[in-house]
PDB file of N, CA and C in Angstrom:
ATOM      1  N   MET A   1      12.691  38.026  10.084  1.00  0.00           N
ATOM      2  CA  MET A   1      12.120  36.948   9.554  1.00  0.00           C
ATOM      3  C   MET A   1      12.923  35.794  10.061  1.00  0.00           C
ATOM      4  N   GLY A   2      12.349  34.957  10.657  1.00  0.00           N
ATOM      5  CA  GLY A   2      13.157  33.594  11.556  1.00  0.00           C
ATOM      6  C   GLY A   2      13.362  32.821  10.410  1.00  0.00           C
ATOM      7  N   TRP A   3      14.490  31.862  10.771  1.00  0.00           N
ATOM      8  CA  TRP A   3      15.019  31.039   9.459  1.00  0.00           C
ATOM      9  C   TRP A   3      14.129  29.992   9.312  1.00  0.00           C
ATOM     10  N   PHE A   4      13.530  29.350  10.362  1.00  0.00           N
ATOM     11  CA  PHE A   4      12.186  28.252  10.287  1.00  0.00           C
ATOM     12  C   PHE A   4      10.799  28.797  10.518  1.00  0.00           C
ATOM     13  N   SER A   5      10.889  29.799  10.140  1.00  0.00           N
ATOM     14  CA  SER A   5       9.542  30.386  10.215  1.00  0.00           C
ATOM     15  C   SER A   5       8.526  29.943   8.936  1.00  0.00           C
ATOM     16  N   ARG A   6       7.092  29.682   9.026  1.00  0.00           N
ATOM     17  CA  ARG A   6       6.343  29.479   8.002  1.00  0.00           C
ATOM     18  C   ARG A   6       5.157  30.023   8.014  1.00  0.00           C
ATOM     19  N   ARG A   7       4.502  29.853   6.907  1.00  0.00           N
ATOM     20  CA  ARG A   7       3.349  30.730   6.680  1.00  0.00           C
ATOM     21  C   ARG A   7       2.418  29.694   7.536  1.00  0.00           C
ATOM     22  N   HIS A   8       1.634  30.447   7.884  1.00  0.00           N
ATOM     23  CA  HIS A   8       0.375  29.826   8.462  1.00  0.00           C
ATOM     24  C   HIS A   8      -0.957  30.245   8.219  1.00  0.00           C
ATOM     25  N   SER A   9      -1.914  29.615   8.227  1.00  0.00           N
ATOM     26  CA  SER A   9      -3.135  29.883   8.342  1.00  0.00           C
ATOM     27  C   SER A   9      -3.959  30.386   9.319  1.00  0.00           C
ATOM     28  N   ARG A  10      -4.854  31.360   9.303  1.00  0.00           N
ATOM     29  CA  ARG A  10      -5.180  32.127  10.334  1.00  0.00           C
ATOM     30  C   ARG A  10      -6.542  31.204  10.873  1.00  0.00           C
ATOM     31  N   LYS A  11      -6.867  31.051  11.936  1.00  0.00           N
ATOM     32  CA  LYS A  11      -7.781  30.447  12.519  1.00  0.00           C
ATOM     33  C   LYS A  11      -8.785  31.626  13.172  1.00  0.00           C
ATOM     34  N   GLY A  12     -10.238  31.314  13.533  1.00  0.00           N
ATOM     35  CA  GLY A  12     -11.247  32.404  13.503  1.00  0.00           C
ATOM     36  C   GLY A  12     -10.739  33.228  14.851  1.00  0.00           C
ATOM     37  N   ASN A  13      -9.822  32.825  15.689  1.00  0.00           N
ATOM     38  CA  ASN A  13      -9.008  33.260  16.730  1.00  0.00           C
ATOM     39  C   ASN A  13      -8.111  34.453  16.216  1.00  0.00           C
ATOM     40  N   GLY A  14      -7.748  34.587  14.848  1.00  0.00           N
ATOM     41  CA  GLY A  14      -6.767  35.578  14.810  1.00  0.00           C
ATOM     42  C   GLY A  14      -5.191  34.779  14.936  1.00  0.00           C
ATOM     43  N   ARG A  15      -5.156  33.933  15.264  1.00  0.00           N
ATOM     44  CA  ARG A  15      -3.919  33.381  15.720  1.00  0.00           C
ATOM     45  C   ARG A  15      -3.472  32.176  14.423  1.00  0.00           C
ATOM     46  N   PRO A  16      -2.416  32.043  14.170  1.00  0.00           N
ATOM     47  CA  PRO A  16      -1.916  31.476  13.046  1.00  0.00           C
ATOM     48  C   PRO A  16      -2.337  29.690  13.459  1.00  0.00           C
ATOM     49  N   GLY A  17      -2.744  28.918  12.274  1.00  0.00           N
ATOM     50  CA  GLY A  17      -3.037  27.592  12.327  1.00  0.00           C
ATOM     51  C   GLY A  17      -1.853  26.827  12.304  1.00  0.00           C
ATOM     52  N   ARG A  18      -1.944  25.498  12.485  1.00  0.00           N
ATOM     53  CA  ARG A  18      -0.843  24.522  12.199  1.00  0.00           C
ATOM     54  C   ARG A  18      -0.918  24.376  10.430  1.00  0.00           C
ATOM     55  N   SER A  19       0.243  24.353   9.911  1.00  0.00           N
ATOM     56  CA  SER A  19       0.024  24.111   8.639  1.00  0.00           C
ATOM     57  C   SER A  19       0.828  22.704   8.325  1.00  0.00           C
ATOM     58  N   ASP A  20       1.277  21.903   9.038  1.00  0.00           N
ATOM     59  CA  ASP A  20       1.799  20.893   8.774  1.00  0.00           C
ATOM     60  C   ASP A  20       1.564  19.917  10.259  1.00  0.00           C
ATOM     61  N   GLY A  21       2.068  18.587   9.874  1.00  0.00           N
ATOM     62  CA  GLY A  21       1.673  17.723  11.606  1.00  0.00           C
ATOM     63  C   GLY A  21       0.470  17.213  11.550  1.00  0.00           C
ATOM     64  N   PRO A  22       0.327  16.472  12.541  1.00  0.00           N
ATOM     65  CA  PRO A  22      -0.827  15.846  12.686  1.00  0.00           C
ATOM     66  C   PRO A  22      -2.026  16.693  13.554  1.00  0.00           C
ATOM     67  N   GLN A  23      -1.621  17.996  14.006  1.00  0.00           N
ATOM     68  CA  GLN A  23      -2.352  18.833  14.333  1.00  0.00           C
ATOM     69  C   GLN A  23      -2.660  20.285  13.188  1.00  0.00           C
ATOM     70  N   MET A  24      -2.414  19.859  11.841  1.00  0.00           N
ATOM     71  CA  MET A  24      -2.722  20.888  11.251  1.00  0.00           C
ATOM     72  C   MET A  24      -3.847  21.582  10.601  1.00  0.00           C
ATOM     73  N   ASP A  25      -4.124  22.561  10.079  1.00  0.00           N
ATOM     74  CA  ASP A  25      -5.449  22.972   9.516  1.00  0.00           C
ATOM     75  C   ASP A  25      -6.207  22.334   8.410  1.00  0.00           C
ATOM     76  N   ILE A  26      -6.951  21.846   8.240  1.00  0.00           N
ATOM     77  CA  ILE A  26      -7.589  20.871   7.256  1.00  0.00           C
ATOM     78  C   ILE A  26      -8.785  21.787   6.693  1.00  0.00           C
ATOM     79  N   ASP A  27      -8.955  22.078   5.208  1.00  0.00           N
ATOM     80  CA  ASP A  27      -9.849  22.409   4.559  1.00  0.00           C
ATOM     81  C   ASP A  27     -10.471  21.620   4.028  1.00  0.00           C
ATOM     82  N   ARG A  28     -11.578  20.975   4.484  1.00  0.00           N
ATOM     83  CA  ARG A  28     -12.222  19.835   4.171  1.00  0.00           C
ATOM     84  C   ARG A  28     -12.909  20.145   2.841  1.00  0.00           C
ATOM     85  N   LYS A  29     -13.494  21.251   2.774  1.00  0.00           N
ATOM     86  CA  LYS A  29     -14.033  21.610   1.290  1.00  0.00           C
ATOM     87  C   LYS A  29     -13.123  21.597   0.326  1.00  0.00           C
ATOM     88  N   ALA A  30     -12.073  22.202   0.117  1.00  0.00           N
ATOM     89  CA  ALA A  30     -10.847  21.718  -0.591  1.00  0.00           C
ATOM     90  C   ALA A  30     -10.349  20.310  -0.971  1.00  0.00           C
ATOM     91  N   VAL A  31     -10.484  19.666   0.111  1.00  0.00           N
ATOM     92  CA  VAL A  31      -9.763  18.287   0.118  1.00  0.00           C
ATOM     93  C   VAL A  31     -10.786  17.771  -0.595  1.00  0.00           C
ATOM     94  N   GLU A  32     -11.982  17.711  -0.099  1.00  0.00           N
ATOM     95  CA  GLU A  32     -13.062  17.032  -0.974  1.00  0.00           C
ATOM     96  C   GLU A  32     -13.713  17.361  -2.468  1.00  0.00           C
ATOM     97  N   GLN A  33     -12.988  18.584  -2.865  1.00  0.00           N
ATOM     98  CA  GLN A  33     -13.224  19.068  -4.171  1.00  0.00           C
ATOM     99  C   GLN A  33     -11.785  18.348  -5.012  1.00  0.00           C
ATOM    100  N   HIS A  34     -10.856  18.253  -4.333  1.00  0.00           N
ATOM    101  CA  HIS A  34      -9.862  17.586  -5.156  1.00  0.00           C
ATOM    102  C   HIS A  34      -9.941  16.183  -5.237  1.00  0.00           C
ATOM    103  N   LEU A  35     -10.573  15.440  -4.347  1.00  0.00           N
ATOM    104  CA  LEU A  35     -10.796  14.279  -4.401  1.00  0.00           C
ATOM    105  C   LEU A  35     -11.778  13.787  -5.025  1.00  0.00           C
ATOM    106  N   ARG A  36     -12.741  14.562  -5.090  1.00  0.00           N
ATOM    107  CA  ARG A  36     -13.983  14.535  -6.314  1.00  0.00           C
ATOM    108  C   ARG A  36     -13.396  14.688  -7.843  1.00  0.00           C
ATOM    109  N   SER A  37     -12.529  15.586  -7.784  1.00  0.00           N
ATOM    110  CA  SER A  37     -11.917  15.744  -9.331  1.00  0.00           C
ATOM    111  C   SER A  37     -10.993  14.599  -9.442  1.00  0.00           C
ATOM    112  N   PHE A  38     -10.473  13.938  -8.835  1.00  0.00           N
ATOM    113  CA  PHE A  38      -9.725  12.654  -8.764  1.00  0.00           C
ATOM    114  C   PHE A  38     -10.831  11.701  -9.422  1.00  0.00           C
ATOM    115  N   VAL A  39     -11.603  11.340  -8.615  1.00  0.00           N
ATOM    116  CA  VAL A  39     -12.809  10.168  -8.810  1.00  0.00           C
ATOM    117  C   VAL A  39     -13.208  10.409 -10.028  1.00  0.00           C
ATOM    118  N   ASP A  40     -14.026  11.775 -10.459  1.00  0.00           N
ATOM    119  CA  ASP A  40     -14.439  11.866 -11.797  1.00  0.00           C
ATOM    120  C   ASP A  40     -13.870  11.880 -12.951  1.00  0.00           C
ATOM    121  N   SER A  41     -12.311  12.028 -12.708  1.00  0.00           N
ATOM    122  CA  SER A  41     -11.461  11.855 -13.892  1.00  0.00           C
ATOM    123  C   SER A  41     -10.717  10.398 -14.031  1.00  0.00           C
ATOM    124  N   ARG A  42     -10.813   9.635 -13.650  1.00  0.00           N
ATOM    125  CA  ARG A  42      -9.975   8.306 -13.330  1.00  0.00           C
ATOM    126  C   ARG A  42     -11.151   7.022 -13.389  1.00  0.00           C
ATOM    127  N   LEU A  43     -10.694   5.993 -13.634  1.00  0.00           N
ATOM    128  CA  LEU A  43     -11.614   4.930 -13.629  1.00  0.00           C
ATOM    129  C   LEU A  43     -11.398   3.876 -12.270  1.00  0.00           C
ATOM    130  N   ASP A  44     -12.356   3.405 -11.829  1.00  0.00           N
ATOM    131  CA  ASP A  44     -12.457   2.147 -10.800  1.00  0.00           C
ATOM    132  C   ASP A  44     -11.603   2.829  -9.532  1.00  0.00           C
ATOM    133  N   VAL A  45     -11.682   3.826  -9.177  1.00  0.00           N
ATOM    134  CA  VAL A  45     -11.109   4.566  -7.904  1.00  0.00           C
ATOM    135  C   VAL A  45     -11.261   3.630  -6.553  1.00  0.00           C
ATOM    136  N   GLU A  46     -10.224   3.428  -5.706  1.00  0.00           N
ATOM    137  CA  GLU A  46     -10.457   2.927  -4.371  1.00  0.00           C
ATOM    138  C   GLU A  46     -10.044   4.006  -3.424  1.00  0.00           C
ATOM    139  N   ALA A  47     -10.325   4.086  -2.054  1.00  0.00           N
ATOM    140  CA  ALA A  47     -10.143   4.878  -1.062  1.00  0.00           C
ATOM    141  C   ALA A  47      -9.065   3.992  -0.135  1.00  0.00           C
ATOM    142  N   TYR A  48      -8.028   4.702   0.685  1.00  0.00           N
ATOM    143  CA  TYR A  48      -7.684   3.990   1.741  1.00  0.00           C
ATOM    144  C   TYR A  48      -7.220   4.880   2.562  1.00  0.00           C
ATOM    145  N   VAL A  49      -7.707   4.630   3.659  1.00  0.00           N
ATOM    146  CA  VAL A  49      -7.751   5.628   5.054  1.00  0.00           C
ATOM    147  C   VAL A  49      -6.391   5.350   5.685  1.00  0.00           C
ATOM    148  N   GLU A  50      -5.408   6.265   5.837  1.00  0.00           N
ATOM    149  CA  GLU A  50      -4.353   5.863   6.583  1.00  0.00           C
ATOM    150  C   GLU A  50      -4.215   6.613   7.926  1.00  0.00           C
ATOM    151  N   PRO A  51      -3.857   6.225   9.134  1.00  0.00           N
ATOM    152  CA  PRO A  51      -3.821   6.720  10.588  1.00  0.00           C
ATOM    153  C   PRO A  51      -2.920   7.830  10.371  1.00  0.00           C
ATOM    154  N   ALA A  52      -3.314   8.511  11.526  1.00  0.00           N
ATOM    155  CA  ALA A  52      -2.200   9.546  11.826  1.00  0.00           C
ATOM    156  C   ALA A  52      -0.936   9.182  12.432  1.00  0.00           C
ATOM    157  N   THR A  53       0.069   9.823  12.183  1.00  0.00           N
ATOM    158  CA  THR A  53       1.422   9.228  12.779  1.00  0.00           C
ATOM    159  C   THR A  53       2.081  10.652  13.770  1.00  0.00           C
ATOM    160  N   SER A  54       3.012  10.256  14.165  1.00  0.00           N
ATOM    161  CA  SER A  54       3.682  11.675  15.280  1.00  0.00           C
ATOM    162  C   SER A  54       4.004  12.944  14.136  1.00  0.00           C
ATOM    163  N   VAL A  55       4.204  12.601  12.652  1.00  0.00           N
ATOM    164  CA  VAL A  55       4.549  13.534  11.925  1.00  0.00           C
ATOM    165  C   VAL A  55       3.519  13.844  10.892  1.00  0.00           C
ATOM    166  N   THR A  56       2.348  13.220  10.540  1.00  0.00           N
ATOM    167  CA  THR A  56       1.585  13.587   9.527  1.00  0.00           C
ATOM    168  C   THR A  56       0.031  13.197  10.038  1.00  0.00           C
ATOM    169  N   PRO A  57      -0.910  13.800   9.606  1.00  0.00           N
ATOM    170  CA  PRO A  57      -2.345  13.591  10.281  1.00  0.00           C
ATOM    171  C   PRO A  57      -2.856  12.616   9.294  1.00  0.00           C
ATOM    172  N   THR A  58      -4.271  11.918   9.768  1.00  0.00           N
ATOM    173  CA  THR A  58      -4.824  10.823   8.829  1.00  0.00           C
ATOM    174  C   THR A  58      -5.192  11.632   7.683  1.00  0.00           C
ATOM    175  N   THR A  59      -4.889  10.617   6.744  1.00  0.00           N
ATOM    176  CA  THR A  59      -4.851  10.871   5.110  1.00  0.00           C
ATOM    177  C   THR A  59      -6.065   9.944   4.289  1.00  0.00           C
ATOM    178  N   ILE A  60      -6.430  10.307   3.467  1.00  0.00           N
ATOM    179  CA  ILE A  60      -7.187   9.575   2.574  1.00  0.00           C
ATOM    180  C   ILE A  60      -6.335   9.315   1.111  1.00  0.00           C
ATOM    181  N   VAL A  61      -5.632   8.327   0.566  1.00  0.00           N
ATOM    182  CA  VAL A  61      -5.317   7.869  -0.721  1.00  0.00           C
ATOM    183  C   VAL A  61      -6.385   7.405  -1.436  1.00  0.00           C
ATOM    184  N   LEU A  62      -6.823   8.152  -2.422  1.00  0.00           N
ATOM    185  CA  LEU A  62      -7.251   7.372  -3.476  1.00  0.00           C
ATOM    186  C   LEU A  62      -6.322   6.386  -4.886  1.00  0.00           C
ATOM    187  N   ILE A  63      -6.860   5.665  -5.318  1.00  0.00           N
ATOM    188  CA  ILE A  63      -5.748   4.841  -6.112  1.00  0.00           C
ATOM    189  C   ILE A  63      -6.846   4.286  -6.882  1.00  0.00           C
ATOM    190  N   ALA A  64      -6.451   4.923  -8.390  1.00  0.00           N
ATOM    191  CA  ALA A  64      -7.182   4.381  -9.568  1.00  0.00           C
ATOM    192  C   ALA A  64      -6.880   2.853 -10.106  1.00  0.00           C
ATOM    193  N   TRP A  65      -7.652   2.655 -11.204  1.00  0.00           N
ATOM    194  CA  TRP A  65      -7.418   1.327 -11.875  1.00  0.00           C
ATOM    195  C   TRP A  65      -5.385   1.081 -11.838  1.00  0.00           C
ATOM    196  N   ASP A  66      -5.296   1.942 -12.699  1.00  0.00           N
ATOM    197  CA  ASP A  66      -4.051   2.048 -13.123  1.00  0.00           C
ATOM    198  C   ASP A  66      -2.658   2.228 -12.106  1.00  0.00           C
ATOM    199  N   GLY A  67      -3.117   2.404 -10.742  1.00  0.00           N
ATOM    200  CA  GLY A  67      -2.253   2.500  -9.983  1.00  0.00           C
ATOM    201  C   GLY A  67      -2.163   4.120  -9.208  1.00  0.00           C
ATOM    202  N   GLU A  68      -2.234   5.274 -10.619  1.00  0.00           N
ATOM    203  CA  GLU A  68      -2.153   6.297 -10.261  1.00  0.00           C
ATOM    204  C   GLU A  68      -2.844   6.778  -8.626  1.00  0.00           C
ATOM    205  N   TRP A  69      -2.217   7.585  -7.861  1.00  0.00           N
ATOM    206  CA  TRP A  69      -2.922   7.848  -6.673  1.00  0.00           C
ATOM    207  C   TRP A  69      -2.760   9.257  -5.993  1.00  0.00           C
ATOM    208  N   THR A  70      -3.550   9.596  -5.345  1.00  0.00           N
ATOM    209  CA  THR A  70      -3.465  10.922  -4.920  1.00  0.00           C
ATOM    210  C   THR A  70      -3.480  10.990  -3.170  1.00  0.00           C
ATOM    211  N   ARG A  71      -3.193  11.924  -2.395  1.00  0.00           N
ATOM    212  CA  ARG A  71      -3.500  11.771  -0.935  1.00  0.00           C
ATOM    213  C   ARG A  71      -3.744  13.223  -0.222  1.00  0.00           C
ATOM    214  N   ARG A  72      -4.761  13.073   0.530  1.00  0.00           N
ATOM    215  CA  ARG A  72      -5.100  14.151   0.903  1.00  0.00           C
ATOM    216  C   ARG A  72      -5.244  14.204   2.708  1.00  0.00           C
ATOM    217  N   ALA A  73      -4.781  15.048   3.413  1.00  0.00           N
ATOM    218  CA  ALA A  73      -5.356  14.974   4.670  1.00  0.00           C
ATOM    219  C   ALA A  73      -6.455  15.348   5.303  1.00  0.00           C
ATOM    220  N   VAL A  74      -6.898  14.494   6.364  1.00  0.00           N
ATOM    221  CA  VAL A  74      -8.505  14.739   6.770  1.00  0.00           C
ATOM    222  C   VAL A  74      -8.144  14.668   8.321  1.00  0.00           C
ATOM    223  N   ASN A  75      -9.387  15.247   8.963  1.00  0.00           N
ATOM    224  CA  ASN A  75      -9.020  15.610  10.348  1.00  0.00           C
ATOM    225  C   ASN A  75      -9.224  14.154  11.410  1.00  0.00           C
ATOM    226  N   SER A  76      -9.632  12.921  10.648  1.00  0.00           N
ATOM    227  CA  SER A  76      -9.961  11.876  11.896  1.00  0.00           C
ATOM    228  C   SER A  76      -9.989  10.719  10.342  1.00  0.00           C
ATOM    229  N   PRO A  77      -9.842   9.488  11.140  1.00  0.00           N
ATOM    230  CA  PRO A  77     -10.347   8.468  10.167  1.00  0.00           C
ATOM    231  C   PRO A  77     -11.596   8.265   9.953  1.00  0.00           C
ATOM    232  N   LYS A  78     -12.540   8.776  10.780  1.00  0.00           N
ATOM    233  CA  LYS A  78     -14.187   8.770  10.838  1.00  0.00           C
ATOM    234  C   LYS A  78     -14.473   9.694   9.340  1.00  0.00           C
ATOM    235  N   GLU A  79     -13.648  11.039   9.684  1.00  0.00           N
ATOM    236  CA  GLU A  79     -13.868  11.579   8.367  1.00  0.00           C
ATOM    237  C   GLU A  79     -13.258  11.118   7.171  1.00  0.00           C
ATOM    238  N   GLY A  80     -12.599  10.530   7.142  1.00  0.00           N
ATOM    239  CA  GLY A  80     -11.552   9.885   5.951  1.00  0.00           C
ATOM    240  C   GLY A  80     -13.022   8.595   5.463  1.00  0.00           C
ATOM    241  N   PHE A  81     -13.627   7.769   6.123  1.00  0.00           N
ATOM    242  CA  PHE A  81     -14.329   7.083   5.698  1.00  0.00           C
ATOM    243  C   PHE A  81     -15.724   7.776   5.384  1.00  0.00           C
ATOM    244  N   GLU A  82     -16.061   9.062   5.921  1.00  0.00           N
ATOM    245  CA  GLU A  82     -17.273   9.475   5.618  1.00  0.00           C
ATOM    246  C   GLU A  82     -17.054  10.249   4.278  1.00  0.00           C
ATOM    247  N   ILE A  83     -16.084  10.625   3.764  1.00  0.00           N
ATOM    248  CA  ILE A  83     -15.711  11.200   2.602  1.00  0.00           C
ATOM    249  C   ILE A  83     -15.795  10.382   1.715  1.00  0.00           C
ATOM    250  N   SER A  84     -15.026   9.331   1.795  1.00  0.00           N
ATOM    251  CA  SER A  84     -14.880   8.212   0.942  1.00  0.00           C
ATOM    252  C   SER A  84     -16.496   7.766   0.487  1.00  0.00           C
ATOM    253  N   GLN A  85     -17.132   7.959   1.439  1.00  0.00           N
ATOM    254  CA  GLN A  85     -18.504   7.066   1.226  1.00  0.00           C
ATOM    255  C   GLN A  85     -19.564   8.103   0.277  1.00  0.00           C
ATOM    256  N   LYS A  86     -19.305   9.673   0.892  1.00  0.00           N
ATOM    257  CA  LYS A  86     -19.721  10.553   0.076  1.00  0.00           C
ATOM    258  C   LYS A  86     -19.195  10.670  -1.736  1.00  0.00           C
ATOM    259  N   LEU A  87     -17.769  10.102  -1.611  1.00  0.00           N
ATOM    260  CA  LEU A  87     -17.234   9.808  -3.169  1.00  0.00           C
ATOM    261  C   LEU A  87     -17.891   8.672  -3.783  1.00  0.00           C
ATOM    262  N   ALA A  88     -18.804   7.847  -3.109  1.00  0.00           N
ATOM    263  CA  ALA A  88     -19.193   6.717  -3.537  1.00  0.00           C
ATOM    264  C   ALA A  88     -17.886   5.559  -4.198  1.00  0.00           C
ATOM    265  N   VAL A  89     -16.909   5.827  -3.400  1.00  0.00           N
ATOM    266  CA  VAL A  89     -15.825   4.711  -3.734  1.00  0.00           C
ATOM    267  C   VAL A  89     -15.774   3.772  -2.659  1.00  0.00           C
ATOM    268  N   PRO A  90     -14.932   2.492  -2.776  1.00  0.00           N
ATOM    269  CA  PRO A  90     -14.996   1.343  -1.924  1.00  0.00           C
ATOM    270  C   PRO A  90     -13.900   1.821  -0.971  1.00  0.00           C
ATOM    271  N   VAL A  91     -14.158   1.811   0.086  1.00  0.00           N
ATOM    272  CA  VAL A  91     -13.044   2.522   1.250  1.00  0.00           C
ATOM    273  C   VAL A  91     -12.300   1.155   2.220  1.00  0.00           C
ATOM    274  N   TYR A  92     -11.333   1.330   2.229  1.00  0.00           N
ATOM    275  CA  TYR A  92     -10.839   0.503   3.116  1.00  0.00           C
ATOM    276  C   TYR A  92      -9.681   1.225   4.409  1.00  0.00           C
ATOM    277  N   ASP A  93      -9.454   0.316   5.288  1.00  0.00           N
ATOM    278  CA  ASP A  93      -8.427   0.923   5.982  1.00  0.00           C
ATOM    279  C   ASP A  93      -7.033   0.118   6.010  1.00  0.00           C
ATOM    280  N   VAL A  94      -6.468   1.136   5.582  1.00  0.00           N
ATOM    281  CA  VAL A  94      -4.729   0.334   5.191  1.00  0.00           C
ATOM    282  C   VAL A  94      -4.150  -0.042   6.361  1.00  0.00           C
ATOM    283  N   ASN A  95      -4.400  -0.370   7.623  1.00  0.00           N
ATOM    284  CA  ASN A  95      -4.099  -0.958   8.419  1.00  0.00           C
ATOM    285  C   ASN A  95      -4.437  -2.382   8.131  1.00  0.00           C
ATOM    286  N   LYS A  96      -5.592  -2.805   7.832  1.00  0.00           N
ATOM    287  CA  LYS A  96      -5.846  -3.975   7.674  1.00  0.00           C
ATOM    288  C   LYS A  96      -5.766  -4.521   6.213  1.00  0.00           C
ATOM    289  N   THR A  97      -5.574  -3.783   5.097  1.00  0.00           N
ATOM    290  CA  THR A  97      -5.430  -4.336   3.934  1.00  0.00           C
ATOM    291  C   THR A  97      -4.084  -3.856   3.099  1.00  0.00           C
ATOM    292  N   GLY A  98      -3.666  -3.221   3.811  1.00  0.00           N
ATOM    293  CA  GLY A  98      -2.332  -2.736   3.115  1.00  0.00           C
ATOM    294  C   GLY A  98      -2.390  -2.068   1.665  1.00  0.00           C
ATOM    295  N   TYR A  99      -1.598  -1.554   1.008  1.00  0.00           N
ATOM    296  CA  TYR A  99      -1.913  -0.845  -0.146  1.00  0.00           C
ATOM    297  C   TYR A  99      -1.571  -2.075  -1.697  1.00  0.00           C
ATOM    298  N   PRO A 100      -2.551  -1.543  -2.656  1.00  0.00           N
ATOM    299  CA  PRO A 100      -2.444  -2.568  -3.674  1.00  0.00           C
ATOM    300  C   PRO A 100      -1.149  -2.503  -4.541  1.00  0.00           C
ATOM    301  N   ASN A 101      -0.777  -3.440  -5.005  1.00  0.00           N
ATOM    302  CA  ASN A 101       0.689  -3.554  -5.855  1.00  0.00           C
ATOM    303  C   ASN A 101       0.487  -2.338  -6.984  1.00  0.00           C
ATOM    304  N   ARG A 102      -0.591  -2.290  -7.510  1.00  0.00           N
ATOM    305  CA  ARG A 102      -0.863  -1.533  -8.727  1.00  0.00           C
ATOM    306  C   ARG A 102      -0.331  -0.108  -8.409  1.00  0.00           C
ATOM    307  N   MET A 103      -0.552   0.508  -6.889  1.00  0.00           N
ATOM    308  CA  MET A 103       0.073   1.608  -6.737  1.00  0.00           C
ATOM    309  C   MET A 103       1.712   2.028  -6.524  1.00  0.00           C
ATOM    310  N   ARG A 104       2.355   0.952  -6.077  1.00  0.00           N
ATOM    311  CA  ARG A 104       3.566   0.706  -5.959  1.00  0.00           C
ATOM    312  C   ARG A 104       4.068   0.469  -7.386  1.00  0.00           C
ATOM    313  N   GLU A 105       3.625  -0.193  -8.276  1.00  0.00           N
ATOM    314  CA  GLU A 105       4.108  -0.324  -9.495  1.00  0.00           C
ATOM    315  C   GLU A 105       4.101   0.847 -10.065  1.00  0.00           C
ATOM    316  N   TRP A 106       2.914   1.915 -10.275  1.00  0.00           N
ATOM    317  CA  TRP A 106       2.564   3.070 -10.682  1.00  0.00           C
ATOM    318  C   TRP A 106       3.611   3.942 -10.307  1.00  0.00           C
ATOM    319  N   SER A 107       4.057   4.257  -9.045  1.00  0.00           N
ATOM    320  CA  SER A 107       4.945   4.860  -8.387  1.00  0.00           C
ATOM    321  C   SER A 107       6.708   4.483  -9.152  1.00  0.00           C
ATOM    322  N   LYS A 108       6.489   3.235  -9.065  1.00  0.00           N
ATOM    323  CA  LYS A 108       7.899   3.042  -9.684  1.00  0.00           C
ATOM    324  C   LYS A 108       8.314   3.298 -10.754  1.00  0.00           C
ATOM    325  N   ARG A 109       7.300   3.216 -11.873  1.00  0.00           N
ATOM    326  CA  ARG A 109       7.250   3.909 -13.279  1.00  0.00           C
ATOM    327  C   ARG A 109       7.319   5.111 -13.434  1.00  0.00           C
ATOM    328  N   ARG A 110       6.850   6.128 -12.572  1.00  0.00           N
ATOM    329  CA  ARG A 110       6.707   7.398 -12.463  1.00  0.00           C
ATOM    330  C   ARG A 110       8.358   7.904 -12.130  1.00  0.00           C
ATOM    331  N   ARG A 111       9.082   6.962 -11.169  1.00  0.00           N
ATOM    332  CA  ARG A 111      10.275   7.417 -10.715  1.00  0.00           C
ATOM    333  C   ARG A 111      11.378   6.866 -12.358  1.00  0.00           C
ATOM    334  N   GLN A 112      10.912   5.997 -12.876  1.00  0.00           N
ATOM    335  CA  GLN A 112      11.947   5.557 -14.005  1.00  0.00           C
ATOM    336  C   GLN A 112      11.522   6.398 -15.327  1.00  0.00           C
ATOM    337  N   GLY A 113      10.595   7.347 -15.007  1.00  0.00           N
ATOM    338  CA  GLY A 113       9.974   8.075 -16.305  1.00  0.00           C
ATOM    339  C   GLY A 113       9.339   7.374 -17.351  1.00  0.00           C
ATOM    340  N   ASP A 114       8.914   6.268 -17.078  1.00  0.00           N
ATOM    341  CA  ASP A 114       8.240   5.504 -18.017  1.00  0.00           C
ATOM    342  C   ASP A 114       6.518   5.921 -18.385  1.00  0.00           C
ATOM    343  N   ALA A 115       6.141   6.860 -17.041  1.00  0.00           N
ATOM    344  CA  ALA A 115       4.573   7.033 -17.354  1.00  0.00           C
ATOM    345  C   ALA A 115       4.260   8.065 -17.863  1.00  0.00           C
TER     346      ALA A 115
END
């Protein structure tokens, strides 16, 4: 076993798939289930699509009315917008809107142990 080996998912061709980074394998069904659960259990949820970077894939961040949030990887910005529309939540391009202050405030409370 190598020092830096990782567990990888297997693609249909039997070779391991990527488990991290912008080219990682993404289970869309699992992503949709997680996001649906978040939307169904919180009020006034909005979606923000984040672009891929050199180290992360495109992601969707769902943010509830109180600032609680969750993030999941998707295959493309188009898929991010499609999933958000399927969830029937308002969806924004984070490059154009930025993040709402309530997200930062919620994260700050969590770090301080107040939430």
